[in-house]
Amino acid sequence: MSEPKSPQVTCPPLVERTPRQIVEELDRFIIGQDKAKRAVAVALRNRYRRECLPEDLRDEVVPKNILMIGPTGVGKTEIARRLARLANAPFLKVEATKYTEVGYVGRDVESMIRELTEISVRMVELERFEGVREQARERALERLVDLLKPRPREAAPMVNPLQLLFSGAAGQAPAATPSPSETADLEEERVELRRRIREGELDDVPVEIEVEEGLPSEIQIFSAMGMEEMGVNFQDLLGGLLPKRKKARRLPLSEARRILALEEARKLVDSDEVKREAVARVERRGILFLDELDKIAGREKGSGPDVSREGVQRDILPIVEGSTVATKHGPVRTDHILFIAAGAFHISKPSDLIPELQGRFPIRVELDPLGEEDFRRILIEPENSLIRQYQALLATEEVTVEFSEDGLDELARVAQAVNQQTENIGARRLHTILERVLEDISFDAPERPGSALTVDRAYIQTQLQDVLQDQNLSRFIL
């Protein structure tokens, strides 16, 4: 007897990159930390693989959450930032220290899911707007043409006796019907006006348009979860009873066309469908990066639980386990959201977390401390390296700065030495050292256009001589 075959499922194009390609992309900006990059790349790819499974099996596959452990300044947060750009999915980075236990003043942990949902709504809106962009631009163009070259209005028939009272049309004579030649001339002028607007000839011409006033006002409400912006919207509650408020704005024609196109795009897009798609995208593909988890690690001490530690852990647990969070766009299930947590764990240890929360982060990755060779690579290899940043900044003042090979070696050596003698803050030490080394040229640059400076070992030692000799002073300056 043959085994039953799984139904054929077409994989959606969610993730274009393979794990190897994701790691290569992260390598462009982050030095080292190969284990963390591999874990994140596999987690991203697994989101795509799950979407390829049959419906009955898809709900059973839960994400394998990741806990990244490592000292400050080694790339945990940078991996999260770059991951946000790589992942074609709703992504949010939050600090665990922002939240407090339910019942106390502060933000409750469910607000992170609400923020993630808002990000998803904006993502879907932008995608939908992109799909109707050309149509919206054409409709905005017609509104501008109607504004600058309006057609004569025909007298509307009086269908209601009260219309005279409220329309303000009393005493107004019906508009004269234009002749065929006048109509033809007007249409020619409108065609010419469309052409000039499309070709940008009138971009700087000021026009006055009526635009809808911002977003409808929302109020904050008190709930059992604390004070949250739930977005209670009076216009939504009253439906179409309240007309949309508009105000006149005088803008350049190019800016007016952009604003009108946005208004038209909103009319063309189904907002309810956007919300449904956004909620589904959060539930299937959402990624939440929870930073500074070590700051809430700790067991009970004394007679009661610590509000900012174990209480927050207990509140985070149901979110990570899988629960339903109420948002203004509808209920959101967190069962398949991928959680990536990170922390230095200098004072506390991962084992200080409550056991239930530990079990929800089965993949643990230790990031390596940075050494002298890593610092040298950080200075020059990434596409947005510190050396390139400082050279570009000073080039705006027509000052050329070059770094010699021995100068780069000296910067890396000093960073390593200061990290060993004082607190180890990782790659962030390079920022403080470079600011000190380039302080004089940054100050004098506006008065020295066309000058050039070579930063070598001797120059660096001269700039840092006083600080490095005084151990106590280096603790405060470097």
Protein backbone atom coordinates (compact mmCIF):
# COMPACT_ATOMS: atom_id res chain seq x y z
CA MET A 1 0.00 0.00 0.00
CA SER A 2 1.52 3.34 -1.02
CA GLU A 3 1.88 6.18 1.46
CA PRO A 4 -0.44 9.16 0.99
CA LYS A 5 1.23 12.03 -0.82
CA SER A 6 1.34 15.49 0.64
CA PRO A 7 -0.62 18.05 -1.39
CA GLN A 8 1.45 20.18 -3.73
CA VAL A 9 2.10 23.61 -2.27
CA THR A 10 3.49 26.55 -4.21
CA CYS A 11 6.13 28.42 -2.22
CA PRO A 12 5.49 32.17 -2.11
CA PRO A 13 8.38 34.48 -3.02
CA LEU A 14 8.91 35.69 0.54
CA VAL A 15 12.68 35.48 0.86
CA GLU A 16 14.81 35.86 -2.23
CA ARG A 17 18.14 35.17 -0.50
CA THR A 18 19.47 31.81 0.65
CA PRO A 19 21.13 31.57 4.10
CA ARG A 20 24.54 31.87 2.46
CA GLN A 21 23.48 35.02 0.62
CA ILE A 22 22.06 36.51 3.84
CA VAL A 23 25.39 35.90 5.59
CA GLU A 24 27.27 37.47 2.67
CA GLU A 25 25.03 40.53 2.88
CA LEU A 26 25.63 40.86 6.63
CA ASP A 27 29.39 40.48 6.01
CA ARG A 28 29.30 43.74 4.07
CA PHE A 29 28.54 45.66 7.26
CA ILE A 30 29.49 43.46 10.25
CA ILE A 31 32.93 42.01 10.97
CA GLY A 32 33.11 38.49 12.42
CA GLN A 33 30.32 36.89 14.47
CA ASP A 34 29.80 34.10 11.94
CA LYS A 35 27.80 31.92 14.35
CA ALA A 36 25.25 34.65 15.01
CA LYS A 37 24.95 35.45 11.30
CA ARG A 38 24.35 31.79 10.45
CA ALA A 39 21.69 31.39 13.14
CA VAL A 40 19.83 34.50 11.99
CA ALA A 41 20.10 33.48 8.32
CA VAL A 42 18.66 30.02 9.00
CA ALA A 43 15.83 31.53 11.08
CA LEU A 44 14.94 33.88 8.22
CA ARG A 45 14.98 31.09 5.67
CA ASN A 46 12.81 28.90 7.91
CA ARG A 47 10.10 31.55 7.70
CA TYR A 48 10.01 30.94 3.96
CA ARG A 49 10.14 27.15 4.33
CA ARG A 50 7.16 27.16 6.68
CA GLU A 51 5.07 29.01 4.09
CA CYS A 52 5.76 26.14 1.66
CA LEU A 53 4.20 23.52 3.98
CA PRO A 54 0.64 22.18 3.68
CA GLU A 55 -1.92 24.04 5.78
CA ASP A 56 -2.34 21.24 8.34
CA LEU A 57 1.40 21.04 9.04
CA ARG A 58 2.13 24.76 8.81
CA ASP A 59 0.43 25.62 12.10
CA GLU A 60 2.42 22.94 13.92
CA VAL A 61 5.81 24.40 13.00
CA VAL A 62 6.73 27.03 15.57
CA PRO A 63 9.71 29.37 15.14
CA LYS A 64 12.93 28.51 16.96
CA ASN A 65 13.62 31.71 18.88
CA ILE A 66 17.23 32.88 19.23
CA LEU A 67 19.13 34.26 22.24
CA MET A 68 22.33 36.14 21.34
CA ILE A 69 24.82 36.46 24.20
CA GLY A 70 27.85 38.70 24.05
CA PRO A 71 29.52 41.82 25.47
CA THR A 72 28.46 45.28 24.40
CA GLY A 73 29.77 46.65 21.12
CA VAL A 74 30.33 43.33 19.32
CA GLY A 75 27.49 43.61 16.80
CA LYS A 76 24.27 42.30 18.38
CA THR A 77 22.26 45.44 17.69
CA GLU A 78 23.92 45.99 14.30
CA ILE A 79 22.86 42.49 13.22
CA ALA A 80 19.29 43.43 14.17
CA ARG A 81 19.44 46.69 12.20
CA ARG A 82 20.75 45.00 9.07
CA LEU A 83 18.30 42.13 9.49
CA ALA A 84 15.44 44.63 9.41
CA ARG A 85 16.51 45.74 5.94
CA LEU A 86 17.02 42.21 4.65
CA ALA A 87 13.79 40.70 5.96
CA ASN A 88 10.81 41.32 3.73
CA ALA A 89 8.66 41.12 6.84
CA PRO A 90 7.38 43.30 9.70
CA PHE A 91 10.34 43.87 12.02
CA LEU A 92 10.56 45.72 15.34
CA LYS A 93 13.46 46.22 17.74
CA VAL A 94 12.51 47.01 21.34
CA GLU A 95 14.35 47.38 24.63
CA ALA A 96 13.24 45.01 27.37
CA THR A 97 13.93 47.70 29.97
CA LYS A 98 11.07 49.88 28.62
CA TYR A 99 8.40 47.58 30.00
CA THR A 100 6.96 47.11 33.48
CA GLU A 101 4.78 44.49 35.08
CA VAL A 102 1.01 44.67 34.57
CA GLY A 103 -0.61 46.93 37.15
CA TYR A 104 2.30 49.37 37.44
CA VAL A 105 2.92 52.69 35.73
CA GLY A 106 4.73 52.17 32.43
CA ARG A 107 4.37 50.37 29.15
CA ASP A 108 2.95 46.86 29.17
CA VAL A 109 4.56 44.16 27.06
CA GLU A 110 1.60 43.79 24.70
CA SER A 111 2.37 47.23 23.27
CA MET A 112 5.32 45.71 21.38
CA ILE A 113 2.87 43.61 19.34
CA ARG A 114 0.75 46.69 18.68
CA GLU A 115 3.80 48.56 17.42
CA LEU A 116 4.75 45.62 15.21
CA THR A 117 1.22 45.60 13.77
CA GLU A 118 1.44 49.33 13.00
CA ILE A 119 4.69 48.72 11.14
CA SER A 120 3.01 45.94 9.16
CA VAL A 121 0.07 48.23 8.26
CA ARG A 122 2.48 50.87 6.95
CA MET A 123 4.34 48.24 4.94
CA VAL A 124 1.18 46.93 3.29
CA GLU A 125 -0.11 50.46 2.66
CA LEU A 126 3.10 51.42 0.88
CA GLU A 127 2.91 48.29 -1.27
CA ARG A 128 -0.73 48.98 -2.17
CA PHE A 129 0.04 52.65 -2.88
CA GLU A 130 2.85 51.57 -5.18
CA GLY A 131 0.41 49.42 -7.11
CA VAL A 132 -1.95 52.34 -7.78
CA ARG A 133 0.69 55.06 -8.01
CA GLU A 134 0.26 55.83 -11.72
CA GLN A 135 -3.51 55.85 -11.48
CA ALA A 136 -3.37 58.12 -8.42
CA ARG A 137 -0.94 60.50 -10.16
CA GLU A 138 -3.27 60.77 -13.16
CA ARG A 139 -6.23 61.51 -10.91
CA ALA A 140 -4.19 64.12 -9.06
CA LEU A 141 -3.23 65.63 -12.42
CA GLU A 142 -6.91 65.91 -13.38
CA ARG A 143 -7.68 67.65 -10.08
CA LEU A 144 -4.95 70.20 -10.75
CA VAL A 145 -6.19 70.78 -14.29
CA ASP A 146 -9.73 71.26 -12.95
CA LEU A 147 -8.33 73.74 -10.46
CA LEU A 148 -6.29 75.79 -12.94
CA LYS A 149 -8.60 75.47 -15.99
CA PRO A 150 -12.05 74.54 -14.68
CA ARG A 151 -14.87 73.65 -16.99
CA PRO A 152 -18.00 75.84 -16.71
CA ARG A 153 -20.44 74.50 -14.17
CA GLU A 154 -23.92 73.54 -15.22
CA ALA A 155 -26.80 74.70 -13.08
CA ALA A 156 -27.88 71.81 -10.88
CA PRO A 157 -31.63 71.10 -10.66
CA MET A 158 -33.21 72.00 -7.31
CA VAL A 159 -34.23 68.68 -5.80
CA ASN A 160 -34.90 69.86 -2.24
CA PRO A 161 -36.56 73.09 -1.04
CA LEU A 162 -34.10 73.26 1.86
CA GLN A 163 -31.18 73.23 -0.56
CA LEU A 164 -31.71 76.92 -1.22
CA LEU A 165 -31.34 77.65 2.46
CA PHE A 166 -28.13 75.65 3.03
CA SER A 167 -26.38 75.85 -0.32
CA GLY A 168 -26.03 79.62 -0.35
CA ALA A 169 -27.13 79.63 -3.98
CA ALA A 170 -29.95 82.12 -3.53
CA GLY A 171 -29.82 84.92 -6.00
CA GLN A 172 -27.19 83.24 -8.20
CA ALA A 173 -27.93 83.06 -11.89
CA PRO A 174 -27.28 79.80 -13.74
CA ALA A 175 -23.97 79.69 -15.59
CA ALA A 176 -24.19 80.50 -19.29
CA THR A 177 -23.74 77.54 -21.61
CA PRO A 178 -20.46 77.99 -23.57
CA SER A 179 -20.49 77.84 -27.32
CA PRO A 180 -18.95 74.84 -29.14
CA SER A 181 -15.93 76.93 -30.20
CA GLU A 182 -15.35 78.08 -26.62
CA THR A 183 -15.61 74.50 -25.41
CA ALA A 184 -13.08 73.34 -28.02
CA ASP A 185 -10.66 76.14 -27.08
CA LEU A 186 -10.97 75.25 -23.40
CA GLU A 187 -10.26 71.58 -24.07
CA GLU A 188 -7.16 72.52 -26.08
CA GLU A 189 -5.95 74.67 -23.20
CA ARG A 190 -6.55 71.81 -20.75
CA VAL A 191 -4.59 69.39 -22.97
CA GLU A 192 -1.69 71.86 -23.15
CA LEU A 193 -1.84 72.37 -19.37
CA ARG A 194 -1.66 68.60 -18.79
CA ARG A 195 1.42 68.42 -20.99
CA ARG A 196 3.18 71.25 -19.15
CA ILE A 197 2.42 69.71 -15.76
CA ARG A 198 3.65 66.28 -16.85
CA GLU A 199 6.90 67.74 -18.21
CA GLY A 200 7.53 69.71 -15.02
CA GLU A 201 7.32 73.17 -16.56
CA LEU A 202 4.99 74.41 -13.82
CA ASP A 203 6.54 72.65 -10.81
CA ASP A 204 7.42 75.91 -9.02
CA VAL A 205 4.12 77.67 -9.70
CA PRO A 206 2.24 78.20 -6.41
CA VAL A 207 -1.29 76.81 -6.26
CA GLU A 208 -3.89 76.71 -3.52
CA ILE A 209 -5.53 73.35 -2.86
CA GLU A 210 -7.89 71.92 -0.27
CA VAL A 211 -6.47 68.94 1.59
CA GLU A 212 -7.87 66.70 4.28
CA GLU A 213 -6.63 67.62 7.72
CA GLY A 214 -4.07 65.05 8.89
CA LEU A 215 -5.16 61.82 10.51
CA PRO A 216 -8.36 61.71 12.58
CA SER A 217 -7.78 62.46 16.21
CA GLU A 218 -7.25 59.53 18.53
CA ILE A 219 -7.56 59.40 22.30
CA GLN A 220 -5.66 57.53 24.94
CA ILE A 221 -7.68 55.21 27.14
CA PHE A 222 -6.99 53.53 30.44
CA SER A 223 -7.30 49.78 30.38
CA ALA A 224 -6.38 46.91 32.65
CA MET A 225 -3.09 46.72 30.75
CA GLY A 226 -2.11 50.32 31.45
CA MET A 227 -2.48 53.48 29.41
CA GLU A 228 -2.15 52.63 25.75
CA GLU A 229 -2.91 54.51 22.57
CA MET A 230 -5.62 52.22 21.30
CA GLY A 231 -6.64 54.64 18.61
CA VAL A 232 -10.30 55.18 19.49
CA ASN A 233 -11.37 57.14 16.46
CA PHE A 234 -14.51 59.24 16.70
CA GLN A 235 -14.91 59.48 12.93
CA ASP A 236 -14.83 55.69 12.65
CA LEU A 237 -17.36 55.38 15.47
CA LEU A 238 -19.78 57.81 13.84
CA GLY A 239 -19.28 56.45 10.35
CA GLY A 240 -20.03 58.93 7.59
CA LEU A 241 -22.07 61.30 9.74
CA LEU A 242 -19.15 63.68 10.19
CA PRO A 243 -17.76 65.22 6.99
CA LYS A 244 -14.02 65.19 6.51
CA ARG A 245 -12.45 68.47 7.52
CA LYS A 246 -10.40 70.24 4.89
CA LYS A 247 -8.14 73.25 4.91
CA ALA A 248 -6.62 75.38 2.19
CA ARG A 249 -2.86 75.21 1.62
CA ARG A 250 -0.72 77.21 -0.80
CA LEU A 251 2.05 75.01 -2.20
CA PRO A 252 4.30 74.65 -5.24
CA LEU A 253 2.51 72.65 -7.91
CA SER A 254 4.92 69.70 -7.65
CA GLU A 255 4.26 69.35 -3.89
CA ALA A 256 0.51 69.82 -4.41
CA ARG A 257 0.50 67.02 -6.98
CA ARG A 258 2.31 64.69 -4.53
CA ILE A 259 -0.22 65.41 -1.75
CA LEU A 260 -3.21 65.00 -4.05
CA ALA A 261 -1.78 61.75 -5.42
CA LEU A 262 -1.50 60.43 -1.86
CA GLU A 263 -5.13 61.35 -1.20
CA GLU A 264 -6.22 59.62 -4.39
CA ALA A 265 -4.15 56.54 -3.55
CA ARG A 266 -5.93 56.26 -0.19
CA LYS A 267 -9.27 56.35 -2.00
CA LEU A 268 -8.18 53.62 -4.40
CA VAL A 269 -6.89 51.28 -1.67
CA ASP A 270 -9.27 49.21 0.46
CA SER A 271 -8.26 50.05 4.04
CA ASP A 272 -10.04 46.99 5.49
CA GLU A 273 -8.12 44.70 3.15
CA VAL A 274 -4.89 46.44 4.14
CA LYS A 275 -5.59 45.77 7.81
CA ARG A 276 -6.42 42.11 7.19
CA GLU A 277 -3.27 41.59 5.17
CA ALA A 278 -1.15 43.45 7.76
CA VAL A 279 -2.43 41.32 10.64
CA ALA A 280 -1.88 38.12 8.65
CA ARG A 281 1.65 39.22 7.76
CA VAL A 282 2.52 39.87 11.42
CA GLU A 283 1.16 36.48 12.44
CA ARG A 284 2.98 34.57 9.68
CA ARG A 285 6.22 36.48 9.17
CA GLY A 286 6.67 38.99 12.02
CA ILE A 287 10.11 39.29 13.65
CA LEU A 288 10.60 40.96 17.03
CA PHE A 289 14.11 41.76 18.31
CA LEU A 290 14.14 42.03 22.11
CA ASP A 291 17.32 43.79 23.21
CA GLU A 292 18.81 44.18 26.71
CA LEU A 293 17.15 40.98 27.95
CA ASP A 294 19.91 40.58 30.56
CA LYS A 295 18.70 43.76 32.32
CA ILE A 296 15.49 42.01 33.36
CA ALA A 297 17.18 38.71 34.26
CA GLY A 298 17.00 38.02 37.99
CA ARG A 299 15.13 35.95 40.51
CA GLU A 300 12.98 37.14 43.38
CA LYS A 301 14.77 38.76 46.29
CA GLY A 302 13.05 39.62 49.51
CA SER A 303 9.34 39.27 50.13
CA GLY A 304 7.93 40.15 46.72
CA PRO A 305 8.78 39.97 43.03
CA ASP A 306 10.84 42.69 41.37
CA VAL A 307 8.55 44.88 39.26
CA SER A 308 11.13 45.55 36.56
CA ARG A 309 12.62 42.05 36.38
CA GLU A 310 10.79 38.82 37.09
CA GLY A 311 7.42 40.52 36.74
CA VAL A 312 8.32 41.63 33.22
CA GLN A 313 9.61 38.14 32.41
CA ARG A 314 6.30 36.63 33.48
CA ASP A 315 4.45 39.10 31.25
CA ILE A 316 6.73 38.49 28.26
CA LEU A 317 6.34 34.71 28.58
CA PRO A 318 2.76 34.44 27.20
CA ILE A 319 3.68 36.72 24.28
CA VAL A 320 6.62 34.48 23.35
CA GLU A 321 4.66 31.26 24.03
CA GLY A 322 1.78 32.34 21.87
CA SER A 323 -1.24 34.40 22.80
CA THR A 324 -3.76 36.77 21.24
CA VAL A 325 -3.17 40.51 21.59
CA ALA A 326 -5.94 43.02 20.93
CA THR A 327 -4.94 45.84 18.58
CA LYS A 328 -7.00 48.53 16.89
CA HIS A 329 -6.58 46.62 13.62
CA GLY A 330 -7.93 43.38 15.08
CA PRO A 331 -6.66 40.51 17.28
CA VAL A 332 -3.11 39.33 16.55
CA ARG A 333 -1.88 35.82 17.40
CA THR A 334 1.79 35.66 18.40
CA ASP A 335 2.27 31.89 17.99
CA HIS A 336 4.44 32.18 14.88
CA ILE A 337 6.23 35.49 15.47
CA LEU A 338 10.00 34.98 15.56
CA PHE A 339 11.64 36.42 18.70
CA ILE A 340 15.35 37.22 18.70
CA ALA A 341 16.64 38.29 22.13
CA ALA A 342 20.05 39.72 22.97
CA GLY A 343 21.96 40.71 26.06
CA ALA A 344 25.48 41.16 27.40
CA PHE A 345 24.82 39.06 30.54
CA HIS A 346 27.83 40.56 32.37
CA ILE A 347 26.26 40.47 35.82
CA SER A 348 23.41 38.03 35.30
CA LYS A 349 23.37 34.76 33.36
CA PRO A 350 20.81 33.25 30.98
CA SER A 351 20.05 30.75 33.74
CA ASP A 352 18.80 33.68 35.86
CA LEU A 353 15.80 33.97 33.57
CA ILE A 354 12.71 32.08 34.69
CA PRO A 355 12.88 28.49 33.36
CA GLU A 356 9.78 28.85 31.19
CA LEU A 357 11.29 31.82 29.36
CA GLN A 358 14.64 30.07 28.95
CA GLY A 359 12.86 27.19 27.23
CA ARG A 360 11.31 29.53 24.70
CA PHE A 361 14.75 30.50 23.33
CA PRO A 362 16.17 27.13 22.32
CA ILE A 363 18.92 28.51 20.04
CA ARG A 364 21.69 30.26 21.94
CA VAL A 365 24.56 31.96 20.15
CA GLU A 366 27.60 33.42 21.90
CA LEU A 367 29.20 36.39 20.16
CA ASP A 368 32.98 36.66 20.44
CA PRO A 369 34.76 39.66 22.01
CA LEU A 370 36.58 41.84 19.50
CA GLY A 371 40.36 41.86 19.29
CA GLU A 372 42.97 44.17 17.74
CA GLU A 373 42.69 42.60 14.28
CA ASP A 374 38.89 42.91 14.40
CA PHE A 375 39.19 46.62 15.21
CA ARG A 376 41.47 47.16 12.22
CA ARG A 377 39.04 45.39 9.91
CA ILE A 378 36.11 47.40 11.32
CA LEU A 379 37.95 50.61 10.46
CA ILE A 380 38.29 49.87 6.74
CA GLU A 381 36.32 46.83 5.51
CA PRO A 382 32.59 47.57 5.96
CA GLU A 383 30.91 49.64 3.26
CA ASN A 384 30.01 52.27 5.85
CA SER A 385 33.34 52.05 7.73
CA LEU A 386 34.30 54.73 10.22
CA ILE A 387 37.25 55.86 8.10
CA ARG A 388 35.00 56.47 5.09
CA GLN A 389 32.50 58.33 7.25
CA TYR A 390 35.10 60.76 8.67
CA GLN A 391 36.71 61.27 5.27
CA ALA A 392 33.32 62.10 3.74
CA LEU A 393 32.42 64.49 6.56
CA LEU A 394 35.66 66.48 6.24
CA ALA A 395 35.48 66.41 2.43
CA THR A 396 32.41 68.65 2.72
CA GLU A 397 34.85 71.31 4.01
CA GLU A 398 37.28 70.53 1.15
CA VAL A 399 39.72 68.91 3.60
CA THR A 400 41.37 65.65 2.55
CA VAL A 401 42.22 63.10 5.26
CA GLU A 402 44.22 59.96 4.60
CA PHE A 403 45.06 57.18 7.07
CA SER A 404 48.39 55.38 6.73
CA GLU A 405 48.80 51.65 7.40
CA ASP A 406 50.71 52.23 10.62
CA GLY A 407 48.04 54.77 11.63
CA LEU A 408 45.32 52.13 11.28
CA ASP A 409 47.42 49.67 13.29
CA GLU A 410 47.89 52.27 16.03
CA LEU A 411 44.17 53.03 16.23
CA ALA A 412 43.37 49.33 16.61
CA ARG A 413 46.12 48.86 19.21
CA VAL A 414 44.94 51.83 21.30
CA ALA A 415 41.32 50.67 21.18
CA GLN A 416 42.30 47.20 22.38
CA ALA A 417 44.53 48.60 25.13
CA VAL A 418 41.93 51.03 26.49
CA ASN A 419 39.24 48.32 26.45
CA GLN A 420 41.52 46.07 28.51
CA GLN A 421 42.47 48.81 31.00
CA THR A 422 38.96 50.21 31.47
CA GLU A 423 35.49 48.94 30.56
CA ASN A 424 35.30 46.81 27.42
CA ILE A 425 32.77 48.59 25.19
CA GLY A 426 33.80 46.81 22.00
CA ALA A 427 33.79 48.63 18.68
CA ARG A 428 32.24 51.74 20.23
CA ARG A 429 35.72 52.51 21.59
CA LEU A 430 36.81 53.36 18.04
CA HIS A 431 34.30 56.22 17.95
CA THR A 432 35.72 57.85 21.07
CA ILE A 433 39.32 57.44 19.91
CA LEU A 434 38.70 58.79 16.40
CA GLU A 435 36.81 61.79 17.76
CA ARG A 436 39.80 62.60 19.99
CA VAL A 437 42.35 62.07 17.20
CA LEU A 438 40.48 64.22 14.67
CA GLU A 439 39.28 66.88 17.10
CA ASP A 440 41.75 69.57 15.96
CA ILE A 441 41.21 69.13 12.23
CA SER A 442 37.43 68.97 12.70
CA PHE A 443 37.54 72.26 14.59
CA ASP A 444 39.83 74.04 12.09
CA ALA A 445 38.40 72.52 8.87
CA PRO A 446 36.18 75.50 7.88
CA GLU A 447 39.26 77.78 7.96
CA ARG A 448 41.50 75.37 6.02
CA PRO A 449 39.76 74.51 2.72
CA GLY A 450 41.99 72.67 0.29
CA SER A 451 44.31 71.33 3.00
CA ALA A 452 45.32 67.68 3.44
CA LEU A 453 46.18 65.61 6.51
CA THR A 454 47.81 62.20 6.82
CA VAL A 455 46.95 60.40 10.04
CA ASP A 456 49.88 58.13 10.90
CA ARG A 457 51.18 56.52 14.07
CA ALA A 458 53.17 59.59 15.13
CA TYR A 459 50.16 61.90 14.70
CA ILE A 460 47.92 59.59 16.74
CA GLN A 461 50.44 59.26 19.54
CA THR A 462 50.80 63.04 19.67
CA GLN A 463 47.04 63.57 19.85
CA LEU A 464 46.54 60.91 22.54
CA GLN A 465 49.77 61.38 24.47
CA ASP A 466 48.33 63.18 27.49
CA VAL A 467 45.31 60.95 27.76
CA LEU A 468 47.15 57.62 27.47
CA GLN A 469 49.80 58.59 30.01
CA ASP A 470 47.20 59.47 32.63
CA GLN A 471 45.25 56.29 33.44
CA ASN A 472 42.61 58.14 35.42
CA LEU A 473 42.06 60.71 32.67
CA SER A 474 41.69 58.03 29.99
CA ARG A 475 38.81 56.53 31.93
CA PHE A 476 36.80 59.72 31.38
CA ILE A 477 37.96 60.82 27.90
CA LEU A 478 38.45 57.50 26.08
